[in-house]
């Protein structure tokens, strides 16, 4: 995901090989899971927060906002303009600024 790209409830970003997906669920939780089985590898813990959008911001922070525009979860990777989020083929979600890792889901090696 590039700056200003977003995931909305029920939508996903998928790894290039299609094995993993990062989905903003209807219940407000952002989850990284196997596409085939739905087994969750990582979750934001925002169930019930009425999450409206997960946004890759221009400042490098990946933020989940509720329906009132309040941040309910953030990657803490702000301050790096132009950073991008990748759902990798190894099952890891990573925010990069160039080749520098700013945040990771810690789920690589699958």
PDB file of N, CA and C in Angstrom:
ATOM      1  N   UNK A   1       0.845  -1.176   0.000  1.00  0.00           N
ATOM      2  CA  UNK A   1       0.000   0.000   0.000  1.00  0.00           C
ATOM      3  C   UNK A   1       0.885   1.232   0.000  1.00  0.00           C
ATOM      4  N   UNK A   2       0.588   2.128  -0.868  1.00  0.00           N
ATOM      5  CA  UNK A   2       1.310   3.383  -0.953  1.00  0.00           C
ATOM      6  C   UNK A   2       0.615   4.440  -0.100  1.00  0.00           C
ATOM      7  N   UNK A   3       1.270   5.585   0.118  1.00  0.00           N
ATOM      8  CA  UNK A   3       0.629   6.652   0.881  1.00  0.00           C
ATOM      9  C   UNK A   3      -0.742   7.007   0.303  1.00  0.00           C
ATOM     10  N   UNK A   4      -1.685   7.248   1.188  1.00  0.00           N
ATOM     11  CA  UNK A   4      -3.074   7.597   0.873  1.00  0.00           C
ATOM     12  C   UNK A   4      -3.917   6.420   0.402  1.00  0.00           C
ATOM     13  N   UNK A   5      -3.359   5.216   0.345  1.00  0.00           N
ATOM     14  CA  UNK A   5      -4.169   4.045   0.022  1.00  0.00           C
ATOM     15  C   UNK A   5      -4.789   3.510   1.302  1.00  0.00           C
ATOM     16  N   UNK A   6      -5.964   2.903   1.160  1.00  0.00           N
ATOM     17  CA  UNK A   6      -6.724   2.488   2.333  1.00  0.00           C
ATOM     18  C   UNK A   6      -7.354   1.113   2.137  1.00  0.00           C
ATOM     19  N   UNK A   7      -7.660   0.490   3.275  1.00  0.00           N
ATOM     20  CA  UNK A   7      -8.443  -0.742   3.303  1.00  0.00           C
ATOM     21  C   UNK A   7      -9.731  -0.413   4.055  1.00  0.00           C
ATOM     22  N   UNK A   8     -10.850  -0.755   3.452  1.00  0.00           N
ATOM     23  CA  UNK A   8     -12.158  -0.503   4.045  1.00  0.00           C
ATOM     24  C   UNK A   8     -12.745  -1.808   4.567  1.00  0.00           C
ATOM     25  N   UNK A   9     -13.734  -1.743   5.455  1.00  0.00           N
ATOM     26  CA  UNK A   9     -14.316  -2.970   6.010  1.00  0.00           C
ATOM     27  C   UNK A   9     -14.735  -3.963   4.921  1.00  0.00           C
ATOM     28  N   UNK A  10     -14.312  -5.202   5.123  1.00  0.00           N
ATOM     29  CA  UNK A  10     -14.612  -6.262   4.168  1.00  0.00           C
ATOM     30  C   UNK A  10     -13.650  -6.347   3.004  1.00  0.00           C
ATOM     31  N   UNK A  11     -12.681  -5.451   2.947  1.00  0.00           N
ATOM     32  CA  UNK A  11     -11.692  -5.420   1.859  1.00  0.00           C
ATOM     33  C   UNK A  11     -10.336  -5.877   2.366  1.00  0.00           C
ATOM     34  N   UNK A  12      -9.466  -6.270   1.420  1.00  0.00           N
ATOM     35  CA  UNK A  12      -8.153  -6.825   1.785  1.00  0.00           C
ATOM     36  C   UNK A  12      -7.052  -6.314   0.882  1.00  0.00           C
ATOM     37  N   UNK A  13      -5.835  -6.411   1.400  1.00  0.00           N
ATOM     38  CA  UNK A  13      -4.608  -6.310   0.612  1.00  0.00           C
ATOM     39  C   UNK A  13      -4.017  -7.709   0.641  1.00  0.00           C
ATOM     40  N   UNK A  14      -3.608  -8.225  -0.502  1.00  0.00           N
ATOM     41  CA  UNK A  14      -3.147  -9.606  -0.611  1.00  0.00           C
ATOM     42  C   UNK A  14      -1.679  -9.646  -1.001  1.00  0.00           C
ATOM     43  N   UNK A  15      -0.967 -10.663  -0.510  1.00  0.00           N
ATOM     44  CA  UNK A  15       0.429 -10.859  -0.905  1.00  0.00           C
ATOM     45  C   UNK A  15       0.485 -11.167  -2.401  1.00  0.00           C
ATOM     46  N   UNK A  16       1.642 -10.939  -3.016  1.00  0.00           N
ATOM     47  CA  UNK A  16       1.791 -11.172  -4.460  1.00  0.00           C
ATOM     48  C   UNK A  16       1.445 -12.605  -4.854  1.00  0.00           C
ATOM     49  N   UNK A  17       1.804 -13.572  -4.001  1.00  0.00           N
ATOM     50  CA  UNK A  17       1.520 -14.974  -4.331  1.00  0.00           C
ATOM     51  C   UNK A  17       0.105 -15.398  -3.938  1.00  0.00           C
ATOM     52  N   UNK A  18      -0.647 -14.496  -3.304  1.00  0.00           N
ATOM     53  CA  UNK A  18      -2.034 -14.766  -2.962  1.00  0.00           C
ATOM     54  C   UNK A  18      -2.259 -15.608  -1.719  1.00  0.00           C
ATOM     55  N   UNK A  19      -1.193 -15.991  -1.011  1.00  0.00           N
ATOM     56  CA  UNK A  19      -1.353 -16.875   0.153  1.00  0.00           C
ATOM     57  C   UNK A  19      -1.779 -16.156   1.423  1.00  0.00           C
ATOM     58  N   UNK A  20      -1.549 -14.855   1.501  1.00  0.00           N
ATOM     59  CA  UNK A  20      -1.843 -14.096   2.718  1.00  0.00           C
ATOM     60  C   UNK A  20      -2.656 -12.857   2.376  1.00  0.00           C
ATOM     61  N   UNK A  21      -3.500 -12.455   3.328  1.00  0.00           N
ATOM     62  CA  UNK A  21      -4.295 -11.249   3.112  1.00  0.00           C
ATOM     63  C   UNK A  21      -4.404 -10.453   4.414  1.00  0.00           C
ATOM     64  N   UNK A  22      -4.374  -9.153   4.271  1.00  0.00           N
ATOM     65  CA  UNK A  22      -4.579  -8.224   5.376  1.00  0.00           C
ATOM     66  C   UNK A  22      -5.970  -7.636   5.175  1.00  0.00           C
ATOM     67  N   UNK A  23      -6.886  -7.954   6.088  1.00  0.00           N
ATOM     68  CA  UNK A  23      -8.299  -7.607   5.919  1.00  0.00           C
ATOM     69  C   UNK A  23      -8.797  -6.767   7.083  1.00  0.00           C
ATOM     70  N   UNK A  24      -9.527  -5.713   6.754  1.00  0.00           N
ATOM     71  CA  UNK A  24     -10.254  -4.976   7.785  1.00  0.00           C
ATOM     72  C   UNK A  24     -11.628  -5.634   7.873  1.00  0.00           C
ATOM     73  N   UNK A  25     -11.815  -6.404   8.929  1.00  0.00           N
ATOM     74  CA  UNK A  25     -13.052  -7.164   9.090  1.00  0.00           C
ATOM     75  C   UNK A  25     -14.224  -6.246   9.436  1.00  0.00           C
ATOM     76  N   UNK A  26     -15.423  -6.742   9.201  1.00  0.00           N
ATOM     77  CA  UNK A  26     -16.633  -5.977   9.514  1.00  0.00           C
ATOM     78  C   UNK A  26     -16.741  -5.662  11.006  1.00  0.00           C
ATOM     79  N   UNK A  27     -16.100  -6.487  11.863  1.00  0.00           N
ATOM     80  CA  UNK A  27     -16.148  -6.258  13.316  1.00  0.00           C
ATOM     81  C   UNK A  27     -15.148  -5.210  13.792  1.00  0.00           C
ATOM     82  N   UNK A  28     -14.360  -4.641  12.854  1.00  0.00           N
ATOM     83  CA  UNK A  28     -13.412  -3.588  13.198  1.00  0.00           C
ATOM     84  C   UNK A  28     -11.988  -4.047  13.405  1.00  0.00           C
ATOM     85  N   UNK A  29     -11.750  -5.351  13.411  1.00  0.00           N
ATOM     86  CA  UNK A  29     -10.413  -5.887  13.629  1.00  0.00           C
ATOM     87  C   UNK A  29      -9.671  -5.991  12.295  1.00  0.00           C
ATOM     88  N   UNK A  30      -8.423  -5.553  12.281  1.00  0.00           N
ATOM     89  CA  UNK A  30      -7.557  -5.730  11.117  1.00  0.00           C
ATOM     90  C   UNK A  30      -6.762  -7.000  11.348  1.00  0.00           C
ATOM     91  N   UNK A  31      -6.853  -7.955  10.420  1.00  0.00           N
ATOM     92  CA  UNK A  31      -6.189  -9.239  10.607  1.00  0.00           C
ATOM     93  C   UNK A  31      -5.344  -9.606   9.398  1.00  0.00           C
ATOM     94  N   UNK A  32      -4.218 -10.247   9.680  1.00  0.00           N
ATOM     95  CA  UNK A  32      -3.366 -10.842   8.660  1.00  0.00           C
ATOM     96  C   UNK A  32      -3.581 -12.339   8.766  1.00  0.00           C
ATOM     97  N   UNK A  33      -4.000 -12.958   7.670  1.00  0.00           N
ATOM     98  CA  UNK A  33      -4.385 -14.363   7.725  1.00  0.00           C
ATOM     99  C   UNK A  33      -4.007 -15.091   6.446  1.00  0.00           C
ATOM    100  N   UNK A  34      -3.976 -16.426   6.553  1.00  0.00           N
ATOM    101  CA  UNK A  34      -3.850 -17.261   5.362  1.00  0.00           C
ATOM    102  C   UNK A  34      -5.116 -17.090   4.529  1.00  0.00           C
ATOM    103  N   UNK A  35      -4.960 -16.905   3.239  1.00  0.00           N
ATOM    104  CA  UNK A  35      -6.108 -16.774   2.351  1.00  0.00           C
ATOM    105  C   UNK A  35      -6.909 -18.070   2.296  1.00  0.00           C
ATOM    106  N   UNK A  36      -6.213 -19.205   2.239  1.00  0.00           N
ATOM    107  CA  UNK A  36      -6.882 -20.497   2.038  1.00  0.00           C
ATOM    108  C   UNK A  36      -7.692 -20.961   3.242  1.00  0.00           C
ATOM    109  N   UNK A  37      -7.176 -20.767   4.435  1.00  0.00           N
ATOM    110  CA  UNK A  37      -7.830 -21.309   5.635  1.00  0.00           C
ATOM    111  C   UNK A  37      -8.448 -20.248   6.535  1.00  0.00           C
ATOM    112  N   UNK A  38      -8.019 -19.008   6.389  1.00  0.00           N
ATOM    113  CA  UNK A  38      -8.484 -17.948   7.275  1.00  0.00           C
ATOM    114  C   UNK A  38      -7.779 -17.920   8.619  1.00  0.00           C
ATOM    115  N   UNK A  39      -6.797 -18.820   8.804  1.00  0.00           N
ATOM    116  CA  UNK A  39      -6.048 -18.843  10.063  1.00  0.00           C
ATOM    117  C   UNK A  39      -5.352 -17.504  10.264  1.00  0.00           C
ATOM    118  N   UNK A  40      -5.614 -16.871  11.402  1.00  0.00           N
ATOM    119  CA  UNK A  40      -5.084 -15.542  11.692  1.00  0.00           C
ATOM    120  C   UNK A  40      -3.662 -15.642  12.229  1.00  0.00           C
ATOM    121  N   UNK A  41      -2.765 -14.850  11.639  1.00  0.00           N
ATOM    122  CA  UNK A  41      -1.369 -14.772  12.079  1.00  0.00           C
ATOM    123  C   UNK A  41      -1.138 -13.565  12.991  1.00  0.00           C
ATOM    124  N   UNK A  42      -1.874 -12.503  12.744  1.00  0.00           N
ATOM    125  CA  UNK A  42      -1.724 -11.258  13.502  1.00  0.00           C
ATOM    126  C   UNK A  42      -3.059 -10.525  13.489  1.00  0.00           C
ATOM    127  N   UNK A  43      -3.362  -9.796  14.572  1.00  0.00           N
ATOM    128  CA  UNK A  43      -4.575  -8.983  14.641  1.00  0.00           C
ATOM    129  C   UNK A  43      -4.297  -7.688  15.395  1.00  0.00           C
ATOM    130  N   UNK A  44      -4.999  -6.642  15.010  1.00  0.00           N
ATOM    131  CA  UNK A  44      -4.813  -5.328  15.634  1.00  0.00           C
ATOM    132  C   UNK A  44      -5.478  -5.217  17.003  1.00  0.00           C
ATOM    133  N   UNK A  45      -6.391  -6.121  17.310  1.00  0.00           N
ATOM    134  CA  UNK A  45      -7.080  -6.059  18.595  1.00  0.00           C
ATOM    135  C   UNK A  45      -8.125  -4.963  18.667  1.00  0.00           C
ATOM    136  N   UNK A  46      -8.688  -4.598  17.529  1.00  0.00           N
ATOM    137  CA  UNK A  46      -9.653  -3.499  17.482  1.00  0.00           C
ATOM    138  C   UNK A  46     -11.089  -3.979  17.238  1.00  0.00           C
ATOM    139  N   UNK A  47     -11.375  -5.207  17.596  1.00  0.00           N
ATOM    140  CA  UNK A  47     -12.738  -5.719  17.474  1.00  0.00           C
ATOM    141  C   UNK A  47     -13.699  -4.839  18.272  1.00  0.00           C
ATOM    142  N   UNK A  48     -14.815  -4.493  17.651  1.00  0.00           N
ATOM    143  CA  UNK A  48     -15.829  -3.687  18.321  1.00  0.00           C
ATOM    144  C   UNK A  48     -15.577  -2.196  18.303  1.00  0.00           C
ATOM    145  N   UNK A  49     -14.517  -1.751  17.639  1.00  0.00           N
ATOM    146  CA  UNK A  49     -14.174  -0.325  17.612  1.00  0.00           C
ATOM    147  C   UNK A  49     -14.864   0.431  16.475  1.00  0.00           C
ATOM    148  N   UNK A  50     -15.711  -0.266  15.696  1.00  0.00           N
ATOM    149  CA  UNK A  50     -16.392   0.350  14.555  1.00  0.00           C
ATOM    150  C   UNK A  50     -15.405   0.980  13.584  1.00  0.00           C
ATOM    151  N   UNK A  51     -14.353   0.239  13.291  1.00  0.00           N
ATOM    152  CA  UNK A  51     -13.317   0.734  12.386  1.00  0.00           C
ATOM    153  C   UNK A  51     -13.906   1.005  11.010  1.00  0.00           C
ATOM    154  N   UNK A  52     -13.597   2.181  10.479  1.00  0.00           N
ATOM    155  CA  UNK A  52     -14.136   2.595   9.194  1.00  0.00           C
ATOM    156  C   UNK A  52     -13.112   2.505   8.075  1.00  0.00           C
ATOM    157  N   UNK A  53     -11.831   2.627   8.422  1.00  0.00           N
ATOM    158  CA  UNK A  53     -10.787   2.613   7.398  1.00  0.00           C
ATOM    159  C   UNK A  53      -9.431   2.342   8.048  1.00  0.00           C
ATOM    160  N   UNK A  54      -8.576   1.630   7.318  1.00  0.00           N
ATOM    161  CA  UNK A  54      -7.166   1.472   7.689  1.00  0.00           C
ATOM    162  C   UNK A  54      -6.383   2.206   6.609  1.00  0.00           C
ATOM    163  N   UNK A  55      -5.699   3.255   6.986  1.00  0.00           N
ATOM    164  CA  UNK A  55      -5.087   4.181   6.034  1.00  0.00           C
ATOM    165  C   UNK A  55      -3.570   4.206   6.158  1.00  0.00           C
ATOM    166  N   UNK A  56      -2.891   4.036   5.020  1.00  0.00           N
ATOM    167  CA  UNK A  56      -1.445   4.247   4.958  1.00  0.00           C
ATOM    168  C   UNK A  56      -1.245   5.737   4.725  1.00  0.00           C
ATOM    169  N   UNK A  57      -0.882   6.445   5.779  1.00  0.00           N
ATOM    170  CA  UNK A  57      -0.795   7.897   5.713  1.00  0.00           C
ATOM    171  C   UNK A  57       0.474   8.361   5.008  1.00  0.00           C
ATOM    172  N   UNK A  58       0.446   9.594   4.562  1.00  0.00           N
ATOM    173  CA  UNK A  58       1.605  10.192   3.888  1.00  0.00           C
ATOM    174  C   UNK A  58       2.817  10.296   4.800  1.00  0.00           C
ATOM    175  N   UNK A  59       2.579  10.391   6.118  1.00  0.00           N
ATOM    176  CA  UNK A  59       3.689  10.539   7.064  1.00  0.00           C
ATOM    177  C   UNK A  59       4.346   9.209   7.426  1.00  0.00           C
ATOM    178  N   UNK A  60       3.865   8.092   6.834  1.00  0.00           N
ATOM    179  CA  UNK A  60       4.460   6.786   7.091  1.00  0.00           C
ATOM    180  C   UNK A  60       3.762   5.973   8.161  1.00  0.00           C
ATOM    181  N   UNK A  61       2.771   6.536   8.815  1.00  0.00           N
ATOM    182  CA  UNK A  61       2.027   5.827   9.848  1.00  0.00           C
ATOM    183  C   UNK A  61       0.845   5.097   9.211  1.00  0.00           C
ATOM    184  N   UNK A  62       0.621   3.850   9.622  1.00  0.00           N
ATOM    185  CA  UNK A  62      -0.536   3.072   9.185  1.00  0.00           C
ATOM    186  C   UNK A  62      -1.526   3.115  10.336  1.00  0.00           C
ATOM    187  N   UNK A  63      -2.707   3.680  10.091  1.00  0.00           N
ATOM    188  CA  UNK A  63      -3.644   3.987  11.173  1.00  0.00           C
ATOM    189  C   UNK A  63      -5.037   3.446  10.856  1.00  0.00           C
ATOM    190  N   UNK A  64      -5.676   2.881  11.874  1.00  0.00           N
ATOM    191  CA  UNK A  64      -7.073   2.476  11.764  1.00  0.00           C
ATOM    192  C   UNK A  64      -7.908   3.561  12.432  1.00  0.00           C
ATOM    193  N   UNK A  65      -8.882   4.082  11.693  1.00  0.00           N
ATOM    194  CA  UNK A  65      -9.785   5.108  12.205  1.00  0.00           C
ATOM    195  C   UNK A  65     -11.187   4.540  12.375  1.00  0.00           C
ATOM    196  N   UNK A  66     -11.865   4.997  13.430  1.00  0.00           N
ATOM    197  CA  UNK A  66     -13.252   4.582  13.621  1.00  0.00           C
ATOM    198  C   UNK A  66     -14.177   5.480  12.795  1.00  0.00           C
ATOM    199  N   UNK A  67     -15.464   5.233  12.895  1.00  0.00           N
ATOM    200  CA  UNK A  67     -16.441   5.957  12.082  1.00  0.00           C
ATOM    201  C   UNK A  67     -16.542   7.442  12.442  1.00  0.00           C
ATOM    202  N   UNK A  68     -15.985   7.829  13.576  1.00  0.00           N
ATOM    203  CA  UNK A  68     -15.964   9.243  13.971  1.00  0.00           C
ATOM    204  C   UNK A  68     -14.640   9.925  13.646  1.00  0.00           C
ATOM    205  N   UNK A  69     -13.745   9.210  12.977  1.00  0.00           N
ATOM    206  CA  UNK A  69     -12.464   9.781  12.597  1.00  0.00           C
ATOM    207  C   UNK A  69     -11.403   9.722  13.670  1.00  0.00           C
ATOM    208  N   UNK A  70     -11.653   8.945  14.724  1.00  0.00           N
ATOM    209  CA  UNK A  70     -10.674   8.808  15.806  1.00  0.00           C
ATOM    210  C   UNK A  70      -9.766   7.621  15.535  1.00  0.00           C
ATOM    211  N   UNK A  71      -8.474   7.796  15.779  1.00  0.00           N
ATOM    212  CA  UNK A  71      -7.519   6.698  15.621  1.00  0.00           C
ATOM    213  C   UNK A  71      -7.737   5.676  16.730  1.00  0.00           C
ATOM    214  N   UNK A  72      -7.894   4.394  16.342  1.00  0.00           N
ATOM    215  CA  UNK A  72      -8.078   3.331  17.334  1.00  0.00           C
ATOM    216  C   UNK A  72      -6.876   2.388  17.377  1.00  0.00           C
ATOM    217  N   UNK A  73      -5.991   2.486  16.395  1.00  0.00           N
ATOM    218  CA  UNK A  73      -4.752   1.714  16.372  1.00  0.00           C
ATOM    219  C   UNK A  73      -3.811   2.403  15.399  1.00  0.00           C
ATOM    220  N   UNK A  74      -2.499   2.352  15.687  1.00  0.00           N
ATOM    221  CA  UNK A  74      -1.496   2.913  14.781  1.00  0.00           C
ATOM    222  C   UNK A  74      -0.213   2.106  14.866  1.00  0.00           C
ATOM    223  N   UNK A  75       0.496   2.051  13.755  1.00  0.00           N
ATOM    224  CA  UNK A  75       1.752   1.306  13.690  1.00  0.00           C
ATOM    225  C   UNK A  75       2.884   2.026  14.406  1.00  0.00           C
ATOM    226  N   UNK A  76       2.749   3.327  14.606  1.00  0.00           N
ATOM    227  CA  UNK A  76       3.809   4.096  15.247  1.00  0.00           C
ATOM    228  C   UNK A  76       4.991   4.375  14.336  1.00  0.00           C
ATOM    229  N   UNK A  77       4.755   4.318  13.039  1.00  0.00           N
ATOM    230  CA  UNK A  77       5.845   4.494  12.072  1.00  0.00           C
ATOM    231  C   UNK A  77       5.807   5.855  11.390  1.00  0.00           C
ATOM    232  N   UNK A  78       5.165   6.827  12.007  1.00  0.00           N
ATOM    233  CA  UNK A  78       5.080   8.164  11.433  1.00  0.00           C
ATOM    234  C   UNK A  78       6.428   8.860  11.375  1.00  0.00           C
ATOM    235  N   UNK A  79       6.459   9.940  10.626  1.00  0.00           N
ATOM    236  CA  UNK A  79       7.678  10.723  10.490  1.00  0.00           C
ATOM    237  C   UNK A  79       8.561  10.289   9.336  1.00  0.00           C
ATOM    238  N   UNK A  80       8.078   9.362   8.518  1.00  0.00           N
ATOM    239  CA  UNK A  80       8.847   8.874   7.361  1.00  0.00           C
ATOM    240  C   UNK A  80       7.984   8.990   6.116  1.00  0.00           C
ATOM    241  N   UNK A  81       7.949  10.162   5.565  1.00  0.00           N
ATOM    242  CA  UNK A  81       7.150  10.441   4.379  1.00  0.00           C
ATOM    243  C   UNK A  81       7.467   9.457   3.256  1.00  0.00           C
ATOM    244  N   UNK A  82       6.436   8.961   2.602  1.00  0.00           N
ATOM    245  CA  UNK A  82       6.620   8.066   1.468  1.00  0.00           C
ATOM    246  C   UNK A  82       6.733   6.598   1.819  1.00  0.00           C
ATOM    247  N   UNK A  83       6.605   6.250   3.094  1.00  0.00           N
ATOM    248  CA  UNK A  83       6.684   4.836   3.484  1.00  0.00           C
ATOM    249  C   UNK A  83       5.515   4.074   2.874  1.00  0.00           C
ATOM    250  N   UNK A  84       5.692   2.763   2.713  1.00  0.00           N
ATOM    251  CA  UNK A  84       4.662   1.920   2.129  1.00  0.00           C
ATOM    252  C   UNK A  84       4.527   0.636   2.921  1.00  0.00           C
ATOM    253  N   UNK A  85       3.354   0.026   2.856  1.00  0.00           N
ATOM    254  CA  UNK A  85       3.089  -1.232   3.540  1.00  0.00           C
ATOM    255  C   UNK A  85       3.029  -2.352   2.515  1.00  0.00           C
ATOM    256  N   UNK A  86       3.709  -3.457   2.818  1.00  0.00           N
ATOM    257  CA  UNK A  86       3.699  -4.627   1.937  1.00  0.00           C
ATOM    258  C   UNK A  86       3.223  -5.846   2.705  1.00  0.00           C
ATOM    259  N   UNK A  87       2.312  -6.607   2.094  1.00  0.00           N
ATOM    260  CA  UNK A  87       1.949  -7.925   2.605  1.00  0.00           C
ATOM    261  C   UNK A  87       2.826  -8.890   1.819  1.00  0.00           C
ATOM    262  N   UNK A  88       3.816  -9.447   2.486  1.00  0.00           N
ATOM    263  CA  UNK A  88       4.848 -10.235   1.812  1.00  0.00           C
ATOM    264  C   UNK A  88       4.440 -11.697   1.635  1.00  0.00           C
ATOM    265  N   UNK A  89       5.121 -12.359   0.708  1.00  0.00           N
ATOM    266  CA  UNK A  89       4.859 -13.770   0.415  1.00  0.00           C
ATOM    267  C   UNK A  89       5.268 -14.702   1.549  1.00  0.00           C
ATOM    268  N   UNK A  90       6.022 -14.206   2.543  1.00  0.00           N
ATOM    269  CA  UNK A  90       6.414 -15.038   3.693  1.00  0.00           C
ATOM    270  C   UNK A  90       5.432 -14.910   4.858  1.00  0.00           C
ATOM    271  N   UNK A  91       4.348 -14.160   4.668  1.00  0.00           N
ATOM    272  CA  UNK A  91       3.345 -14.007   5.711  1.00  0.00           C
ATOM    273  C   UNK A  91       3.572 -12.841   6.646  1.00  0.00           C
ATOM    274  N   UNK A  92       4.498 -11.978   6.327  1.00  0.00           N
ATOM    275  CA  UNK A  92       4.799 -10.816   7.149  1.00  0.00           C
ATOM    276  C   UNK A  92       4.190  -9.572   6.508  1.00  0.00           C
ATOM    277  N   UNK A  93       3.615  -8.696   7.316  1.00  0.00           N
ATOM    278  CA  UNK A  93       3.210  -7.371   6.862  1.00  0.00           C
ATOM    279  C   UNK A  93       4.292  -6.416   7.350  1.00  0.00           C
ATOM    280  N   UNK A  94       4.824  -5.607   6.437  1.00  0.00           N
ATOM    281  CA  UNK A  94       5.971  -4.757   6.755  1.00  0.00           C
ATOM    282  C   UNK A  94       5.754  -3.359   6.195  1.00  0.00           C
ATOM    283  N   UNK A  95       6.114  -2.352   6.988  1.00  0.00           N
ATOM    284  CA  UNK A  95       6.135  -0.979   6.503  1.00  0.00           C
ATOM    285  C   UNK A  95       7.583  -0.613   6.245  1.00  0.00           C
ATOM    286  N   UNK A  96       7.847  -0.198   5.018  1.00  0.00           N
ATOM    287  CA  UNK A  96       9.189   0.174   4.583  1.00  0.00           C
ATOM    288  C   UNK A  96       9.261   1.656   4.254  1.00  0.00           C
ATOM    289  N   UNK A  97      10.402   2.247   4.577  1.00  0.00           N
ATOM    290  CA  UNK A  97      10.786   3.543   4.057  1.00  0.00           C
ATOM    291  C   UNK A  97      12.056   3.273   3.269  1.00  0.00           C
ATOM    292  N   UNK A  98      11.948   3.246   1.947  1.00  0.00           N
ATOM    293  CA  UNK A  98      13.056   2.752   1.135  1.00  0.00           C
ATOM    294  C   UNK A  98      13.248   1.287   1.462  1.00  0.00           C
ATOM    295  N   UNK A  99      14.447   0.905   1.908  1.00  0.00           N
ATOM    296  CA  UNK A  99      14.702  -0.480   2.316  1.00  0.00           C
ATOM    297  C   UNK A  99      14.722  -0.635   3.842  1.00  0.00           C
ATOM    298  N   UNK A 100      14.461   0.458   4.560  1.00  0.00           N
ATOM    299  CA  UNK A 100      14.453   0.432   6.021  1.00  0.00           C
ATOM    300  C   UNK A 100      13.099  -0.029   6.548  1.00  0.00           C
ATOM    301  N   UNK A 101      13.105  -1.010   7.439  1.00  0.00           N
ATOM    302  CA  UNK A 101      11.875  -1.513   8.049  1.00  0.00           C
ATOM    303  C   UNK A 101      11.475  -0.594   9.202  1.00  0.00           C
ATOM    304  N   UNK A 102      10.236  -0.081   9.142  1.00  0.00           N
ATOM    305  CA  UNK A 102       9.710   0.787  10.192  1.00  0.00           C
ATOM    306  C   UNK A 102       8.794   0.046  11.156  1.00  0.00           C
ATOM    307  N   UNK A 103       8.104  -0.965  10.646  1.00  0.00           N
ATOM    308  CA  UNK A 103       7.165  -1.746  11.457  1.00  0.00           C
ATOM    309  C   UNK A 103       6.986  -3.100  10.796  1.00  0.00           C
ATOM    310  N   UNK A 104       6.754  -4.121  11.611  1.00  0.00           N
ATOM    311  CA  UNK A 104       6.470  -5.449  11.090  1.00  0.00           C
ATOM    312  C   UNK A 104       5.448  -6.144  11.978  1.00  0.00           C
ATOM    313  N   UNK A 105       4.656  -7.005  11.363  1.00  0.00           N
ATOM    314  CA  UNK A 105       3.692  -7.802  12.130  1.00  0.00           C
ATOM    315  C   UNK A 105       4.385  -8.935  12.875  1.00  0.00           C
ATOM    316  N   UNK A 106       5.639  -9.221  12.522  1.00  0.00           N
ATOM    317  CA  UNK A 106       6.397 -10.274  13.197  1.00  0.00           C
ATOM    318  C   UNK A 106       5.937 -11.672  12.845  1.00  0.00           C
ATOM    319  N   UNK A 107       5.367 -11.819  11.664  1.00  0.00           N
ATOM    320  CA  UNK A 107       4.786 -13.104  11.272  1.00  0.00           C
ATOM    321  C   UNK A 107       5.474 -13.723  10.062  1.00  0.00           C
ATOM    322  N   UNK A 108       6.700 -13.357   9.777  1.00  0.00           N
ATOM    323  CA  UNK A 108       7.414 -13.893   8.622  1.00  0.00           C
ATOM    324  C   UNK A 108       7.812 -15.344   8.806  1.00  0.00           C
ATOM    325  N   UNK A 109       8.198 -15.976   7.717  1.00  0.00           N
ATOM    326  CA  UNK A 109       8.697 -17.342   7.763  1.00  0.00           C
ATOM    327  C   UNK A 109       7.648 -18.406   7.524  1.00  0.00           C
ATOM    328  N   UNK A 110       6.549 -18.041   6.917  1.00  0.00           N
ATOM    329  CA  UNK A 110       5.481 -19.019   6.667  1.00  0.00           C
ATOM    330  C   UNK A 110       5.551 -19.511   5.251  1.00  0.00           C
TER     331      UNK A 110
END
